């Protein structure tokens, strides 16, 4: 179930989005407004928090910067999303208010209410926006799917289980232990 509470026939812009109440969480994909309520589950938040913490530790002293939701990522005049965890390698994309342009690395932790959007609309958006790596975590089934942009296209994606390590394409040779991300260590 994707929560689309604003009229489907209406198309919104980032300018519209910036004027909506601060206590509401929305995303715009192709001008369609998606409500980000209700809040994610505890398991979802634990995975996102562990992922962010591990990345933050690995990136200490580097110019790369990780972020955890909510942070606005503006990809076009009609696309603004709040991925669970991102890494931005170009500090010029980071503004006081949001991220301008595609992050180098995006992770989404699936929730029942947003899984379809994350795997369909957001994946297509990240692909056409030039996000180099898109990683999807399924907290219920316990798997990860990693999509790497090659010649402007994501392939079928590499499937990993929690006993494996996730390669970080933006930092060759660096990996994350998925057991730790999933809270098994």
N, C-alpha and C. Protein backbone atom coordinates (compact mmCIF):
# COMPACT_ATOMS: atom_id res chain seq x y z
N UNK A 1 0.84 -1.18 0.00
CA UNK A 1 0.00 0.00 0.00
C UNK A 1 0.88 1.23 0.00
N UNK A 2 0.80 2.02 -1.05
CA UNK A 2 1.50 3.30 -1.09
C UNK A 2 0.52 4.37 -0.68
N UNK A 3 0.90 5.19 0.26
CA UNK A 3 0.02 6.24 0.75
C UNK A 3 0.13 7.47 -0.14
N UNK A 4 -0.83 7.62 -1.03
CA UNK A 4 -0.90 8.80 -1.88
C UNK A 4 -2.17 9.53 -1.45
N UNK A 5 -2.02 10.57 -0.63
CA UNK A 5 -3.18 11.25 -0.09
C UNK A 5 -3.53 12.52 -0.84
N UNK A 6 -2.59 13.02 -1.62
CA UNK A 6 -2.87 14.19 -2.44
C UNK A 6 -3.43 13.67 -3.76
N UNK A 7 -4.24 14.45 -4.46
CA UNK A 7 -4.89 13.96 -5.69
C UNK A 7 -3.89 13.40 -6.70
N UNK A 8 -4.18 12.18 -7.20
CA UNK A 8 -3.30 11.54 -8.18
C UNK A 8 -3.21 12.35 -9.47
N UNK A 9 -4.28 13.05 -9.83
CA UNK A 9 -4.27 13.82 -11.07
C UNK A 9 -3.37 15.05 -10.97
N UNK A 10 -3.10 15.49 -9.75
CA UNK A 10 -2.25 16.67 -9.56
C UNK A 10 -0.79 16.27 -9.67
N UNK A 11 0.00 17.17 -10.21
CA UNK A 11 1.45 17.00 -10.26
C UNK A 11 2.05 18.16 -9.48
N UNK A 12 2.99 17.82 -8.62
CA UNK A 12 3.59 18.81 -7.73
C UNK A 12 5.05 19.02 -8.11
N UNK A 13 5.59 20.12 -7.64
CA UNK A 13 7.00 20.44 -7.86
C UNK A 13 7.71 20.49 -6.52
N UNK A 14 9.03 20.56 -6.58
CA UNK A 14 9.81 20.71 -5.35
C UNK A 14 9.43 22.02 -4.66
N UNK A 15 9.12 23.06 -5.43
CA UNK A 15 8.69 24.34 -4.84
C UNK A 15 7.41 24.14 -4.02
N UNK A 16 6.46 23.36 -4.54
CA UNK A 16 5.24 23.05 -3.78
C UNK A 16 5.61 22.31 -2.50
N UNK A 17 6.43 21.29 -2.65
CA UNK A 17 6.87 20.44 -1.55
C UNK A 17 7.48 21.26 -0.42
N UNK A 18 8.32 22.22 -0.76
CA UNK A 18 9.02 23.03 0.24
C UNK A 18 8.06 23.90 1.06
N UNK A 19 6.83 24.06 0.59
CA UNK A 19 5.83 24.86 1.31
C UNK A 19 4.85 24.03 2.12
N UNK A 20 4.98 22.71 2.09
CA UNK A 20 4.09 21.86 2.87
C UNK A 20 4.50 21.89 4.34
N UNK A 21 3.59 21.56 5.26
CA UNK A 21 3.90 21.61 6.70
C UNK A 21 5.11 20.74 7.06
N UNK A 22 5.93 21.27 7.95
CA UNK A 22 7.14 20.56 8.39
C UNK A 22 6.84 19.28 9.16
N UNK A 23 5.66 19.18 9.75
CA UNK A 23 5.35 17.99 10.54
C UNK A 23 4.80 16.84 9.69
N UNK A 24 4.75 17.03 8.38
CA UNK A 24 4.32 15.97 7.46
C UNK A 24 5.53 15.51 6.66
N UNK A 25 5.63 14.19 6.42
CA UNK A 25 6.73 13.67 5.61
C UNK A 25 6.17 13.14 4.30
N UNK A 26 6.69 13.71 3.21
CA UNK A 26 6.26 13.34 1.86
C UNK A 26 7.48 13.10 1.00
N UNK A 27 7.28 12.40 -0.11
CA UNK A 27 8.26 12.29 -1.18
C UNK A 27 7.54 12.62 -2.47
N UNK A 28 8.26 13.18 -3.42
CA UNK A 28 7.73 13.42 -4.76
C UNK A 28 8.51 12.57 -5.75
N UNK A 29 7.80 11.79 -6.52
CA UNK A 29 8.42 11.00 -7.59
C UNK A 29 7.61 11.27 -8.84
N UNK A 30 8.27 11.84 -9.83
CA UNK A 30 7.59 12.25 -11.08
C UNK A 30 6.42 13.18 -10.80
N UNK A 31 6.53 14.00 -9.75
CA UNK A 31 5.50 14.95 -9.41
C UNK A 31 4.36 14.38 -8.60
N UNK A 32 4.35 13.07 -8.33
CA UNK A 32 3.31 12.43 -7.52
C UNK A 32 3.76 12.46 -6.07
N UNK A 33 2.86 12.89 -5.18
CA UNK A 33 3.17 13.01 -3.76
C UNK A 33 2.85 11.70 -3.04
N UNK A 34 3.85 11.17 -2.33
CA UNK A 34 3.69 9.94 -1.53
C UNK A 34 3.86 10.30 -0.06
N UNK A 35 2.87 9.93 0.76
CA UNK A 35 2.91 10.17 2.20
C UNK A 35 3.86 9.15 2.84
N UNK A 36 4.70 9.61 3.74
CA UNK A 36 5.69 8.75 4.39
C UNK A 36 5.19 8.23 5.75
N UNK A 37 3.92 8.31 6.02
CA UNK A 37 3.37 7.82 7.29
C UNK A 37 2.81 6.43 7.09
N UNK A 38 2.77 5.61 8.08
CA UNK A 38 3.23 5.81 9.44
C UNK A 38 4.74 5.63 9.55
N UNK A 39 5.27 5.88 10.73
CA UNK A 39 6.70 5.72 10.97
C UNK A 39 7.11 4.27 10.75
N UNK A 40 8.37 4.04 10.39
CA UNK A 40 8.86 2.68 10.18
C UNK A 40 8.87 1.86 11.48
N UNK A 41 9.01 0.54 11.32
CA UNK A 41 9.06 -0.36 12.47
C UNK A 41 10.41 -0.21 13.20
N UNK A 42 10.46 -0.75 14.39
CA UNK A 42 11.69 -0.74 15.18
C UNK A 42 12.80 -1.51 14.46
N UNK A 43 12.46 -2.67 13.89
CA UNK A 43 13.45 -3.46 13.16
C UNK A 43 14.03 -2.65 11.99
N UNK A 44 13.16 -1.98 11.27
CA UNK A 44 13.57 -1.11 10.16
C UNK A 44 14.56 -0.06 10.65
N UNK A 45 14.21 0.60 11.74
CA UNK A 45 15.06 1.66 12.27
C UNK A 45 16.38 1.12 12.80
N UNK A 46 16.36 -0.06 13.40
CA UNK A 46 17.61 -0.67 13.88
C UNK A 46 18.55 -0.96 12.72
N UNK A 47 18.02 -1.49 11.61
CA UNK A 47 18.86 -1.78 10.45
C UNK A 47 19.41 -0.48 9.86
N UNK A 48 18.54 0.51 9.67
CA UNK A 48 19.00 1.80 9.12
C UNK A 48 20.03 2.44 10.04
N UNK A 49 19.80 2.40 11.34
CA UNK A 49 20.74 2.99 12.30
C UNK A 49 22.08 2.28 12.31
N UNK A 50 22.06 0.95 12.28
CA UNK A 50 23.31 0.18 12.23
C UNK A 50 24.08 0.47 10.96
N UNK A 51 23.37 0.52 9.85
CA UNK A 51 23.99 0.81 8.56
C UNK A 51 24.66 2.18 8.58
N UNK A 52 23.94 3.17 9.05
CA UNK A 52 24.48 4.52 9.14
C UNK A 52 25.71 4.57 10.06
N UNK A 53 25.62 3.93 11.22
CA UNK A 53 26.74 3.93 12.17
C UNK A 53 27.99 3.29 11.58
N UNK A 54 27.82 2.15 10.91
CA UNK A 54 28.96 1.48 10.28
C UNK A 54 29.58 2.36 9.19
N UNK A 55 28.73 2.98 8.38
CA UNK A 55 29.24 3.86 7.32
C UNK A 55 29.95 5.07 7.90
N UNK A 56 29.36 5.66 8.92
CA UNK A 56 29.97 6.83 9.56
C UNK A 56 31.37 6.50 10.08
N UNK A 57 31.51 5.33 10.68
CA UNK A 57 32.81 4.90 11.19
C UNK A 57 33.81 4.69 10.04
N UNK A 58 33.37 4.03 8.98
CA UNK A 58 34.26 3.77 7.83
C UNK A 58 34.67 5.05 7.11
N UNK A 59 33.82 6.07 7.16
CA UNK A 59 34.07 7.29 6.40
C UNK A 59 34.76 8.38 7.20
N UNK A 60 35.09 8.12 8.45
CA UNK A 60 35.81 9.11 9.26
C UNK A 60 37.09 9.54 8.54
N UNK A 61 37.28 10.84 8.47
CA UNK A 61 38.49 11.38 7.85
C UNK A 61 38.44 11.45 6.34
N UNK A 62 37.34 11.04 5.74
CA UNK A 62 37.18 11.09 4.28
C UNK A 62 36.26 12.25 3.91
N UNK A 63 36.27 12.63 2.66
CA UNK A 63 35.37 13.71 2.22
C UNK A 63 33.96 13.18 1.98
N UNK A 64 33.79 11.86 1.93
CA UNK A 64 32.46 11.28 1.74
C UNK A 64 31.65 11.49 3.02
N UNK A 65 30.34 11.68 2.86
CA UNK A 65 29.51 11.91 4.04
C UNK A 65 28.24 11.07 3.98
N UNK A 66 27.98 10.30 5.06
CA UNK A 66 26.72 9.55 5.13
C UNK A 66 25.62 10.41 5.77
N UNK A 67 24.38 10.12 5.40
CA UNK A 67 23.21 10.77 5.99
C UNK A 67 22.16 9.70 6.25
N UNK A 68 21.33 9.96 7.26
CA UNK A 68 20.21 9.06 7.58
C UNK A 68 18.93 9.87 7.51
N UNK A 69 17.84 9.23 7.11
CA UNK A 69 16.55 9.92 6.98
C UNK A 69 16.12 10.49 8.33
N UNK A 70 15.41 11.60 8.28
CA UNK A 70 14.95 12.29 7.08
C UNK A 70 15.93 13.37 6.61
N UNK A 71 16.32 13.28 5.36
CA UNK A 71 17.06 14.34 4.69
C UNK A 71 16.54 14.38 3.26
N UNK A 72 16.22 15.57 2.78
CA UNK A 72 15.70 15.71 1.43
C UNK A 72 16.80 15.57 0.40
N UNK A 73 16.53 14.76 -0.61
CA UNK A 73 17.42 14.59 -1.75
C UNK A 73 16.65 15.07 -2.97
N UNK A 74 17.07 16.22 -3.51
CA UNK A 74 16.39 16.84 -4.64
C UNK A 74 17.06 16.36 -5.92
N UNK A 75 16.30 15.63 -6.74
CA UNK A 75 16.85 15.04 -7.96
C UNK A 75 16.41 15.77 -9.22
N UNK A 76 15.32 16.51 -9.14
CA UNK A 76 14.83 17.32 -10.27
C UNK A 76 13.77 18.27 -9.74
N UNK A 77 13.14 19.02 -10.61
CA UNK A 77 12.08 19.94 -10.20
C UNK A 77 10.82 19.22 -9.72
N UNK A 78 10.71 17.91 -10.02
CA UNK A 78 9.52 17.15 -9.62
C UNK A 78 9.86 15.90 -8.83
N UNK A 79 11.12 15.81 -8.38
CA UNK A 79 11.55 14.62 -7.64
C UNK A 79 12.34 15.02 -6.40
N UNK A 80 11.80 14.69 -5.23
CA UNK A 80 12.51 14.87 -3.97
C UNK A 80 12.14 13.69 -3.07
N UNK A 81 13.17 12.99 -2.60
CA UNK A 81 12.96 11.78 -1.81
C UNK A 81 13.76 11.84 -0.52
N UNK A 82 13.42 10.95 0.40
CA UNK A 82 14.11 10.85 1.68
C UNK A 82 14.54 9.40 1.90
N UNK A 83 15.60 8.96 1.21
CA UNK A 83 16.05 7.58 1.39
C UNK A 83 16.48 7.33 2.84
N UNK A 84 16.49 6.06 3.23
CA UNK A 84 16.84 5.70 4.61
C UNK A 84 18.28 6.08 4.94
N UNK A 85 19.22 5.71 4.07
CA UNK A 85 20.63 6.03 4.29
C UNK A 85 21.26 6.34 2.94
N UNK A 86 22.08 7.40 2.90
CA UNK A 86 22.77 7.75 1.66
C UNK A 86 24.22 8.09 1.97
N UNK A 87 25.04 8.05 0.92
CA UNK A 87 26.41 8.54 0.99
C UNK A 87 26.60 9.50 -0.18
N UNK A 88 27.12 10.67 0.15
CA UNK A 88 27.41 11.70 -0.85
C UNK A 88 28.92 11.88 -0.89
N UNK A 89 29.49 11.67 -2.08
CA UNK A 89 30.95 11.80 -2.24
C UNK A 89 31.38 13.19 -2.68
N UNK A 90 30.47 13.95 -3.27
CA UNK A 90 30.77 15.30 -3.74
C UNK A 90 30.21 16.32 -2.74
N UNK A 91 31.07 16.96 -1.94
CA UNK A 91 30.58 17.91 -0.93
C UNK A 91 29.83 19.09 -1.52
N UNK A 92 30.00 19.37 -2.81
CA UNK A 92 29.28 20.48 -3.44
C UNK A 92 27.78 20.21 -3.56
N UNK A 93 27.36 18.96 -3.42
CA UNK A 93 25.93 18.62 -3.49
C UNK A 93 25.22 18.87 -2.15
N UNK A 94 25.98 19.07 -1.10
CA UNK A 94 25.42 19.22 0.24
C UNK A 94 25.17 20.70 0.51
N UNK A 95 23.89 21.05 0.74
CA UNK A 95 23.54 22.42 1.09
C UNK A 95 23.07 22.44 2.54
N UNK A 96 22.80 23.59 3.04
CA UNK A 96 22.31 23.74 4.41
C UNK A 96 20.97 23.02 4.60
N UNK A 97 20.16 22.99 3.55
CA UNK A 97 18.80 22.48 3.66
C UNK A 97 18.60 21.06 3.13
N UNK A 98 19.41 20.66 2.12
CA UNK A 98 19.16 19.37 1.48
C UNK A 98 20.36 18.94 0.64
N UNK A 99 20.19 17.82 -0.04
CA UNK A 99 21.18 17.31 -0.99
C UNK A 99 20.67 17.67 -2.38
N UNK A 100 21.52 18.28 -3.17
CA UNK A 100 21.15 18.68 -4.53
C UNK A 100 21.84 17.75 -5.53
N UNK A 101 21.06 16.84 -6.10
CA UNK A 101 21.61 15.90 -7.06
C UNK A 101 21.71 14.51 -6.46
N UNK A 102 22.06 13.55 -7.31
CA UNK A 102 22.06 12.16 -6.86
C UNK A 102 23.19 11.84 -5.90
N UNK A 103 22.87 11.15 -4.80
CA UNK A 103 23.93 10.62 -3.95
C UNK A 103 24.68 9.54 -4.73
N UNK A 104 25.84 9.17 -4.25
CA UNK A 104 26.59 8.10 -4.89
C UNK A 104 26.08 6.73 -4.48
N UNK A 105 25.51 6.66 -3.28
CA UNK A 105 25.07 5.38 -2.71
C UNK A 105 23.78 5.62 -1.95
N UNK A 106 22.78 4.78 -2.21
CA UNK A 106 21.48 4.90 -1.53
C UNK A 106 21.08 3.53 -1.01
N UNK A 107 20.58 3.51 0.23
CA UNK A 107 20.03 2.28 0.82
C UNK A 107 18.61 2.56 1.29
N UNK A 108 17.74 1.61 0.99
CA UNK A 108 16.37 1.64 1.50
C UNK A 108 16.14 0.35 2.28
N UNK A 109 15.51 0.48 3.44
CA UNK A 109 15.07 -0.66 4.22
C UNK A 109 13.58 -0.80 3.95
N UNK A 110 13.18 -1.93 3.41
CA UNK A 110 11.79 -2.10 3.00
C UNK A 110 10.84 -2.09 4.19
N UNK A 111 9.69 -1.48 3.97
CA UNK A 111 8.56 -1.49 4.90
C UNK A 111 7.36 -2.00 4.11
N UNK A 112 6.43 -2.67 4.76
CA UNK A 112 5.27 -3.19 4.02
C UNK A 112 4.54 -2.11 3.21
N UNK A 113 4.43 -0.91 3.76
CA UNK A 113 3.69 0.14 3.08
C UNK A 113 4.44 0.82 1.94
N UNK A 114 5.75 0.64 1.87
CA UNK A 114 6.53 1.35 0.84
C UNK A 114 7.39 0.44 -0.02
N UNK A 115 7.35 -0.87 0.20
CA UNK A 115 8.24 -1.79 -0.52
C UNK A 115 8.06 -1.70 -2.03
N UNK A 116 6.83 -1.70 -2.49
CA UNK A 116 6.59 -1.63 -3.94
C UNK A 116 7.15 -0.34 -4.53
N UNK A 117 6.93 0.78 -3.84
CA UNK A 117 7.45 2.07 -4.32
C UNK A 117 8.98 2.04 -4.34
N UNK A 118 9.59 1.48 -3.28
CA UNK A 118 11.06 1.42 -3.21
C UNK A 118 11.64 0.57 -4.34
N UNK A 119 10.98 -0.54 -4.66
CA UNK A 119 11.49 -1.46 -5.67
C UNK A 119 11.11 -1.09 -7.10
N UNK A 120 10.13 -0.23 -7.24
CA UNK A 120 9.68 0.13 -8.59
C UNK A 120 9.95 1.61 -8.88
N UNK A 121 9.16 2.49 -8.31
CA UNK A 121 9.29 3.91 -8.64
C UNK A 121 10.64 4.50 -8.22
N UNK A 122 11.04 4.23 -6.99
CA UNK A 122 12.31 4.81 -6.51
C UNK A 122 13.51 4.21 -7.23
N UNK A 123 13.48 2.92 -7.47
CA UNK A 123 14.59 2.29 -8.20
C UNK A 123 14.72 2.92 -9.59
N UNK A 124 13.61 3.09 -10.29
CA UNK A 124 13.64 3.72 -11.62
C UNK A 124 14.13 5.16 -11.53
N UNK A 125 13.69 5.88 -10.51
CA UNK A 125 14.14 7.26 -10.31
C UNK A 125 15.64 7.31 -10.06
N UNK A 126 16.14 6.47 -9.18
CA UNK A 126 17.58 6.46 -8.87
C UNK A 126 18.39 6.07 -10.10
N UNK A 127 17.89 5.15 -10.87
CA UNK A 127 18.59 4.72 -12.09
C UNK A 127 18.71 5.87 -13.08
N UNK A 128 17.59 6.53 -13.39
CA UNK A 128 17.64 7.62 -14.38
C UNK A 128 18.33 8.87 -13.84
N UNK A 129 18.42 8.99 -12.50
CA UNK A 129 19.09 10.15 -11.91
C UNK A 129 20.60 9.96 -11.79
N UNK A 130 21.06 8.73 -12.00
CA UNK A 130 22.50 8.46 -11.95
C UNK A 130 23.05 8.05 -10.60
N UNK A 131 22.20 7.52 -9.71
CA UNK A 131 22.70 6.99 -8.44
C UNK A 131 23.52 5.74 -8.77
N UNK A 132 24.79 5.76 -8.41
CA UNK A 132 25.72 4.70 -8.82
C UNK A 132 25.42 3.35 -8.19
N UNK A 133 24.88 3.38 -6.98
CA UNK A 133 24.63 2.12 -6.29
C UNK A 133 23.36 2.26 -5.44
N UNK A 134 22.44 1.31 -5.60
CA UNK A 134 21.19 1.30 -4.85
C UNK A 134 21.10 -0.05 -4.15
N UNK A 135 20.97 -0.02 -2.83
CA UNK A 135 20.96 -1.24 -2.03
C UNK A 135 19.64 -1.30 -1.25
N UNK A 136 18.95 -2.43 -1.37
CA UNK A 136 17.66 -2.63 -0.72
C UNK A 136 17.80 -3.72 0.33
N UNK A 137 17.35 -3.42 1.56
CA UNK A 137 17.39 -4.36 2.67
C UNK A 137 15.97 -4.82 2.98
N UNK A 138 15.77 -6.12 3.06
CA UNK A 138 14.47 -6.66 3.46
C UNK A 138 14.60 -7.19 4.89
N UNK A 139 14.05 -6.46 5.87
CA UNK A 139 14.20 -6.86 7.28
C UNK A 139 13.38 -8.09 7.64
N UNK A 140 12.35 -8.40 6.89
CA UNK A 140 11.49 -9.54 7.20
C UNK A 140 12.08 -10.83 6.64
N UNK A 141 12.46 -10.81 5.37
CA UNK A 141 13.00 -12.00 4.72
C UNK A 141 14.51 -12.16 4.96
N UNK A 142 15.17 -11.08 5.37
CA UNK A 142 16.59 -11.14 5.70
C UNK A 142 17.52 -11.25 4.51
N UNK A 143 17.26 -10.47 3.48
CA UNK A 143 18.16 -10.43 2.34
C UNK A 143 18.45 -9.00 1.93
N UNK A 144 19.46 -8.87 1.08
CA UNK A 144 19.86 -7.57 0.54
C UNK A 144 19.98 -7.72 -0.97
N UNK A 145 19.54 -6.70 -1.70
CA UNK A 145 19.75 -6.68 -3.15
C UNK A 145 20.51 -5.42 -3.50
N UNK A 146 21.63 -5.60 -4.19
CA UNK A 146 22.53 -4.50 -4.55
C UNK A 146 22.49 -4.29 -6.06
N UNK A 147 22.10 -3.07 -6.46
CA UNK A 147 22.07 -2.69 -7.86
C UNK A 147 23.22 -1.72 -8.13
N UNK A 148 23.99 -1.99 -9.16
CA UNK A 148 25.10 -1.13 -9.55
C UNK A 148 24.81 -0.57 -10.93
N UNK A 149 24.95 0.74 -11.08
CA UNK A 149 24.68 1.41 -12.35
C UNK A 149 25.82 1.14 -13.33
N UNK A 150 25.51 0.51 -14.45
CA UNK A 150 26.49 0.24 -15.51
C UNK A 150 25.88 0.72 -16.82
N UNK A 151 26.57 1.66 -17.46
CA UNK A 151 26.07 2.25 -18.71
C UNK A 151 24.65 2.80 -18.55
N UNK A 152 24.39 3.43 -17.39
CA UNK A 152 23.11 4.07 -17.14
C UNK A 152 21.97 3.14 -16.77
N UNK A 153 22.27 1.86 -16.50
CA UNK A 153 21.21 0.89 -16.22
C UNK A 153 21.61 0.02 -15.02
N UNK A 154 20.60 -0.28 -14.17
CA UNK A 154 20.79 -1.27 -13.12
C UNK A 154 20.49 -2.64 -13.73
N UNK A 155 21.29 -3.62 -13.41
CA UNK A 155 20.99 -4.99 -13.83
C UNK A 155 19.98 -5.60 -12.89
N UNK A 156 19.94 -6.92 -12.85
CA UNK A 156 18.98 -7.62 -11.98
C UNK A 156 19.34 -7.46 -10.51
N UNK A 157 20.57 -7.17 -10.23
CA UNK A 157 20.98 -6.97 -8.85
C UNK A 157 21.54 -8.22 -8.22
N UNK A 158 22.51 -8.03 -7.38
CA UNK A 158 23.16 -9.11 -6.65
C UNK A 158 22.40 -9.33 -5.35
N UNK A 159 22.03 -10.59 -5.06
CA UNK A 159 21.31 -10.92 -3.84
C UNK A 159 22.32 -11.43 -2.81
N UNK A 160 22.24 -10.88 -1.60
CA UNK A 160 23.13 -11.26 -0.51
C UNK A 160 22.29 -11.67 0.70
N UNK A 161 22.85 -12.56 1.50
CA UNK A 161 22.16 -12.89 2.75
C UNK A 161 22.97 -12.33 3.92
N UNK A 162 22.43 -12.33 5.13
CA UNK A 162 23.09 -11.69 6.27
C UNK A 162 24.45 -12.25 6.65
N UNK A 163 24.82 -13.42 6.15
CA UNK A 163 26.13 -13.98 6.48
C UNK A 163 27.23 -13.42 5.57
N UNK A 164 26.85 -12.65 4.56
CA UNK A 164 27.81 -12.15 3.58
C UNK A 164 28.23 -10.72 3.89
N UNK A 165 29.10 -10.20 3.02
CA UNK A 165 29.59 -8.84 3.14
C UNK A 165 29.14 -8.03 1.95
N UNK A 166 28.76 -6.78 2.22
CA UNK A 166 28.32 -5.87 1.17
C UNK A 166 29.48 -5.00 0.73
N UNK A 167 29.85 -5.11 -0.55
CA UNK A 167 30.90 -4.25 -1.09
C UNK A 167 30.39 -2.83 -1.22
N UNK A 168 31.26 -1.87 -0.96
CA UNK A 168 30.92 -0.46 -1.10
C UNK A 168 31.60 0.04 -2.38
N UNK A 169 30.82 0.18 -3.44
CA UNK A 169 31.36 0.56 -4.74
C UNK A 169 32.07 1.90 -4.74
N UNK A 170 31.67 2.81 -3.88
CA UNK A 170 32.30 4.14 -3.84
C UNK A 170 33.63 4.11 -3.10
N UNK A 171 33.93 3.00 -2.42
CA UNK A 171 35.20 2.82 -1.69
C UNK A 171 35.74 1.43 -1.99
N UNK A 172 36.38 1.24 -3.14
CA UNK A 172 36.86 -0.09 -3.51
C UNK A 172 37.67 -0.74 -2.39
N UNK A 173 37.36 -2.01 -2.17
CA UNK A 173 38.06 -2.77 -1.13
C UNK A 173 37.38 -2.72 0.23
N UNK A 174 36.42 -1.84 0.41
CA UNK A 174 35.71 -1.72 1.69
C UNK A 174 34.40 -2.50 1.64
N UNK A 175 34.08 -3.16 2.74
CA UNK A 175 32.86 -3.95 2.83
C UNK A 175 32.17 -3.69 4.17
N UNK A 176 30.90 -4.02 4.22
CA UNK A 176 30.13 -3.97 5.47
C UNK A 176 29.68 -5.38 5.81
N UNK A 177 29.85 -5.82 7.05
CA UNK A 177 29.36 -7.13 7.46
C UNK A 177 27.84 -7.08 7.64
N UNK A 178 27.12 -7.78 6.80
CA UNK A 178 25.66 -7.71 6.85
C UNK A 178 25.09 -8.28 8.14
N UNK A 179 25.77 -9.24 8.75
CA UNK A 179 25.30 -9.77 10.04
C UNK A 179 25.23 -8.65 11.07
N UNK A 180 26.18 -7.74 11.02
CA UNK A 180 26.19 -6.61 11.95
C UNK A 180 25.08 -5.62 11.62
N UNK A 181 24.87 -5.39 10.33
CA UNK A 181 23.78 -4.49 9.91
C UNK A 181 22.44 -5.03 10.37
N UNK A 182 22.22 -6.33 10.19
CA UNK A 182 20.96 -6.96 10.58
C UNK A 182 20.85 -7.21 12.08
N UNK A 183 21.92 -6.95 12.83
CA UNK A 183 21.88 -7.10 14.28
C UNK A 183 22.10 -8.51 14.76
N UNK A 184 22.82 -9.32 13.96
CA UNK A 184 23.08 -10.70 14.35
C UNK A 184 24.40 -10.86 15.10
N UNK A 185 25.17 -9.79 15.26
CA UNK A 185 26.45 -9.87 15.98
C UNK A 185 26.35 -9.15 17.29
